């Protein structure tokens, strides 16, 4: 997921995506702890996706507060 993919999303869609990504990160960390995860990079990618989503959500909040 790239930041430009999030441009046309609404706040409720972003919140839903954020919850899904956080759940995915939780599951990846569990798999990592019991050595079932082959691609460790997925944890990093999930964290980056979460930060992108949070950035976009905060940007939308600041825009609505200023209007």
N, C-alpha and C. Protein backbone atom coordinates (compact mmCIF):
# COMPACT_ATOMS: atom_id res chain seq x y z
N UNK A 1 0.85 -1.17 0.00
CA UNK A 1 0.00 0.00 0.00
C UNK A 1 0.90 1.23 0.00
N UNK A 2 0.54 2.18 -0.83
CA UNK A 2 1.28 3.43 -0.88
C UNK A 2 0.36 4.56 -0.41
N UNK A 3 0.97 5.68 -0.05
CA UNK A 3 0.19 6.79 0.49
C UNK A 3 -0.78 7.34 -0.54
N UNK A 4 -0.39 7.33 -1.81
CA UNK A 4 -1.28 7.86 -2.84
C UNK A 4 -2.53 7.00 -3.02
N UNK A 5 -2.48 5.73 -2.58
CA UNK A 5 -3.65 4.86 -2.63
C UNK A 5 -4.72 5.29 -1.63
N UNK A 6 -4.33 6.07 -0.64
CA UNK A 6 -5.24 6.48 0.42
C UNK A 6 -5.91 7.82 0.16
N UNK A 7 -5.55 8.48 -0.90
CA UNK A 7 -6.02 9.84 -1.15
C UNK A 7 -7.54 9.96 -1.25
N UNK A 8 -8.22 9.01 -1.87
CA UNK A 8 -9.65 9.13 -2.11
C UNK A 8 -10.50 8.39 -1.07
N UNK A 9 -9.88 7.96 0.02
CA UNK A 9 -10.60 7.22 1.05
C UNK A 9 -11.20 8.18 2.07
N UNK A 10 -12.32 7.77 2.64
CA UNK A 10 -12.96 8.55 3.70
C UNK A 10 -12.45 8.08 5.05
N UNK A 11 -12.75 8.85 6.08
CA UNK A 11 -12.22 8.57 7.42
C UNK A 11 -12.70 7.22 7.94
N UNK A 12 -13.96 6.88 7.70
CA UNK A 12 -14.45 5.59 8.22
C UNK A 12 -13.80 4.42 7.49
N UNK A 13 -13.51 4.57 6.20
CA UNK A 13 -12.82 3.52 5.46
C UNK A 13 -11.39 3.35 5.98
N UNK A 14 -10.75 4.49 6.26
CA UNK A 14 -9.39 4.45 6.77
C UNK A 14 -9.34 3.80 8.14
N UNK A 15 -10.33 4.08 8.98
CA UNK A 15 -10.38 3.48 10.31
C UNK A 15 -10.54 1.97 10.22
N UNK A 16 -11.38 1.53 9.31
CA UNK A 16 -11.57 0.09 9.12
C UNK A 16 -10.29 -0.57 8.63
N UNK A 17 -9.62 0.08 7.69
CA UNK A 17 -8.36 -0.45 7.17
C UNK A 17 -7.30 -0.49 8.28
N UNK A 18 -7.32 0.52 9.14
CA UNK A 18 -6.37 0.57 10.24
C UNK A 18 -6.58 -0.60 11.20
N UNK A 19 -7.81 -0.87 11.54
CA UNK A 19 -8.11 -1.99 12.43
C UNK A 19 -7.66 -3.32 11.82
N UNK A 20 -7.92 -3.49 10.52
CA UNK A 20 -7.50 -4.72 9.84
C UNK A 20 -5.99 -4.86 9.85
N UNK A 21 -5.30 -3.77 9.61
CA UNK A 21 -3.84 -3.81 9.56
C UNK A 21 -3.25 -4.08 10.95
N UNK A 22 -3.86 -3.52 11.98
CA UNK A 22 -3.40 -3.77 13.34
C UNK A 22 -3.61 -5.24 13.72
N UNK A 23 -4.73 -5.81 13.29
CA UNK A 23 -4.99 -7.22 13.54
C UNK A 23 -3.97 -8.09 12.81
N UNK A 24 -3.65 -7.70 11.58
CA UNK A 24 -2.66 -8.44 10.79
C UNK A 24 -1.29 -8.39 11.48
N UNK A 25 -0.92 -7.22 12.00
CA UNK A 25 0.36 -7.07 12.69
C UNK A 25 0.39 -7.95 13.94
N UNK A 26 -0.70 -7.99 14.67
CA UNK A 26 -0.79 -8.84 15.87
C UNK A 26 -0.54 -10.30 15.50
N UNK A 27 -1.22 -10.76 14.45
CA UNK A 27 -1.06 -12.15 14.02
C UNK A 27 0.36 -12.44 13.54
N UNK A 28 0.95 -11.47 12.84
CA UNK A 28 2.32 -11.66 12.37
C UNK A 28 3.29 -11.76 13.54
N UNK A 29 3.07 -10.95 14.56
CA UNK A 29 3.95 -11.00 15.73
C UNK A 29 3.81 -12.32 16.48
N UNK A 30 2.59 -12.85 16.53
CA UNK A 30 2.40 -14.16 17.16
C UNK A 30 3.15 -15.24 16.39
N UNK A 31 3.01 -15.23 15.08
CA UNK A 31 3.71 -16.21 14.25
C UNK A 31 5.22 -16.08 14.39
N UNK A 32 5.69 -14.84 14.47
CA UNK A 32 7.12 -14.59 14.61
C UNK A 32 7.64 -15.15 15.93
N UNK A 33 6.85 -15.03 16.98
CA UNK A 33 7.31 -15.49 18.28
C UNK A 33 7.42 -17.01 18.38
N UNK A 34 6.65 -17.73 17.58
CA UNK A 34 6.74 -19.20 17.60
C UNK A 34 7.46 -19.74 16.36
N UNK A 35 8.19 -18.87 15.70
CA UNK A 35 9.01 -19.24 14.54
C UNK A 35 8.22 -19.87 13.41
N UNK A 36 7.03 -19.38 13.15
CA UNK A 36 6.24 -19.86 12.02
C UNK A 36 6.27 -18.89 10.84
N UNK A 37 6.87 -17.75 11.03
CA UNK A 37 6.88 -16.72 10.00
C UNK A 37 8.15 -16.83 9.18
N UNK A 38 7.98 -17.04 7.88
CA UNK A 38 9.13 -17.18 6.98
C UNK A 38 9.61 -15.81 6.49
N UNK A 39 8.67 -14.92 6.21
CA UNK A 39 9.02 -13.60 5.67
C UNK A 39 8.88 -12.56 6.78
N UNK A 40 9.98 -12.30 7.45
CA UNK A 40 10.00 -11.40 8.59
C UNK A 40 9.71 -9.97 8.16
N UNK A 41 9.96 -9.66 6.94
CA UNK A 41 9.74 -8.30 6.41
C UNK A 41 8.26 -7.90 6.47
N UNK A 42 7.36 -8.86 6.52
CA UNK A 42 5.93 -8.55 6.58
C UNK A 42 5.59 -7.73 7.82
N UNK A 43 6.31 -7.95 8.92
CA UNK A 43 6.08 -7.19 10.14
C UNK A 43 6.40 -5.72 9.88
N UNK A 44 7.51 -5.47 9.24
CA UNK A 44 7.92 -4.10 8.94
C UNK A 44 6.93 -3.43 8.00
N UNK A 45 6.48 -4.14 6.99
CA UNK A 45 5.53 -3.60 6.03
C UNK A 45 4.20 -3.26 6.71
N UNK A 46 3.76 -4.12 7.61
CA UNK A 46 2.51 -3.86 8.34
C UNK A 46 2.64 -2.61 9.20
N UNK A 47 3.78 -2.45 9.87
CA UNK A 47 3.99 -1.25 10.69
C UNK A 47 4.01 0.01 9.83
N UNK A 48 4.61 -0.08 8.66
CA UNK A 48 4.64 1.08 7.75
C UNK A 48 3.25 1.42 7.25
N UNK A 49 2.45 0.40 6.95
CA UNK A 49 1.08 0.64 6.50
C UNK A 49 0.25 1.30 7.61
N UNK A 50 0.45 0.86 8.83
CA UNK A 50 -0.26 1.47 9.96
C UNK A 50 0.12 2.93 10.10
N UNK A 51 1.39 3.25 9.96
CA UNK A 51 1.81 4.64 10.09
C UNK A 51 1.26 5.49 8.94
N UNK A 52 1.18 4.93 7.75
CA UNK A 52 0.59 5.67 6.63
C UNK A 52 -0.89 5.97 6.90
N UNK A 53 -1.60 4.97 7.39
CA UNK A 53 -3.02 5.15 7.69
C UNK A 53 -3.22 6.19 8.78
N UNK A 54 -2.42 6.12 9.83
CA UNK A 54 -2.54 7.09 10.92
C UNK A 54 -2.22 8.51 10.44
N UNK A 55 -1.24 8.63 9.57
CA UNK A 55 -0.89 9.94 9.02
C UNK A 55 -2.04 10.52 8.23
N UNK A 56 -2.65 9.71 7.39
CA UNK A 56 -3.77 10.17 6.57
C UNK A 56 -4.98 10.53 7.45
N UNK A 57 -5.26 9.71 8.47
CA UNK A 57 -6.38 10.00 9.36
C UNK A 57 -6.16 11.32 10.09
N UNK A 58 -4.95 11.53 10.60
CA UNK A 58 -4.65 12.78 11.30
C UNK A 58 -4.70 13.98 10.36
N UNK A 59 -4.30 13.79 9.13
CA UNK A 59 -4.37 14.86 8.14
C UNK A 59 -5.83 15.24 7.88
N UNK A 60 -6.70 14.25 7.75
CA UNK A 60 -8.13 14.52 7.54
C UNK A 60 -8.73 15.23 8.75
N UNK A 61 -8.34 14.82 9.96
CA UNK A 61 -8.86 15.45 11.18
C UNK A 61 -8.44 16.91 11.25
N UNK A 62 -7.20 17.19 10.92
CA UNK A 62 -6.71 18.58 10.99
C UNK A 62 -7.39 19.46 9.93
N UNK A 63 -7.72 18.86 8.78
CA UNK A 63 -8.42 19.62 7.74
C UNK A 63 -9.84 19.96 8.17
N UNK A 64 -10.52 19.03 8.82
CA UNK A 64 -11.91 19.27 9.23
C UNK A 64 -11.94 20.26 10.40
N UNK A 65 -10.94 20.25 11.26
CA UNK A 65 -10.89 21.18 12.39
C UNK A 65 -10.61 22.61 11.92
N UNK A 66 -9.84 22.76 10.88
CA UNK A 66 -9.50 24.09 10.39
C UNK A 66 -10.62 24.72 9.57
N UNK A 67 -11.55 23.91 9.09
CA UNK A 67 -12.67 24.44 8.29
C UNK A 67 -13.82 24.86 9.13
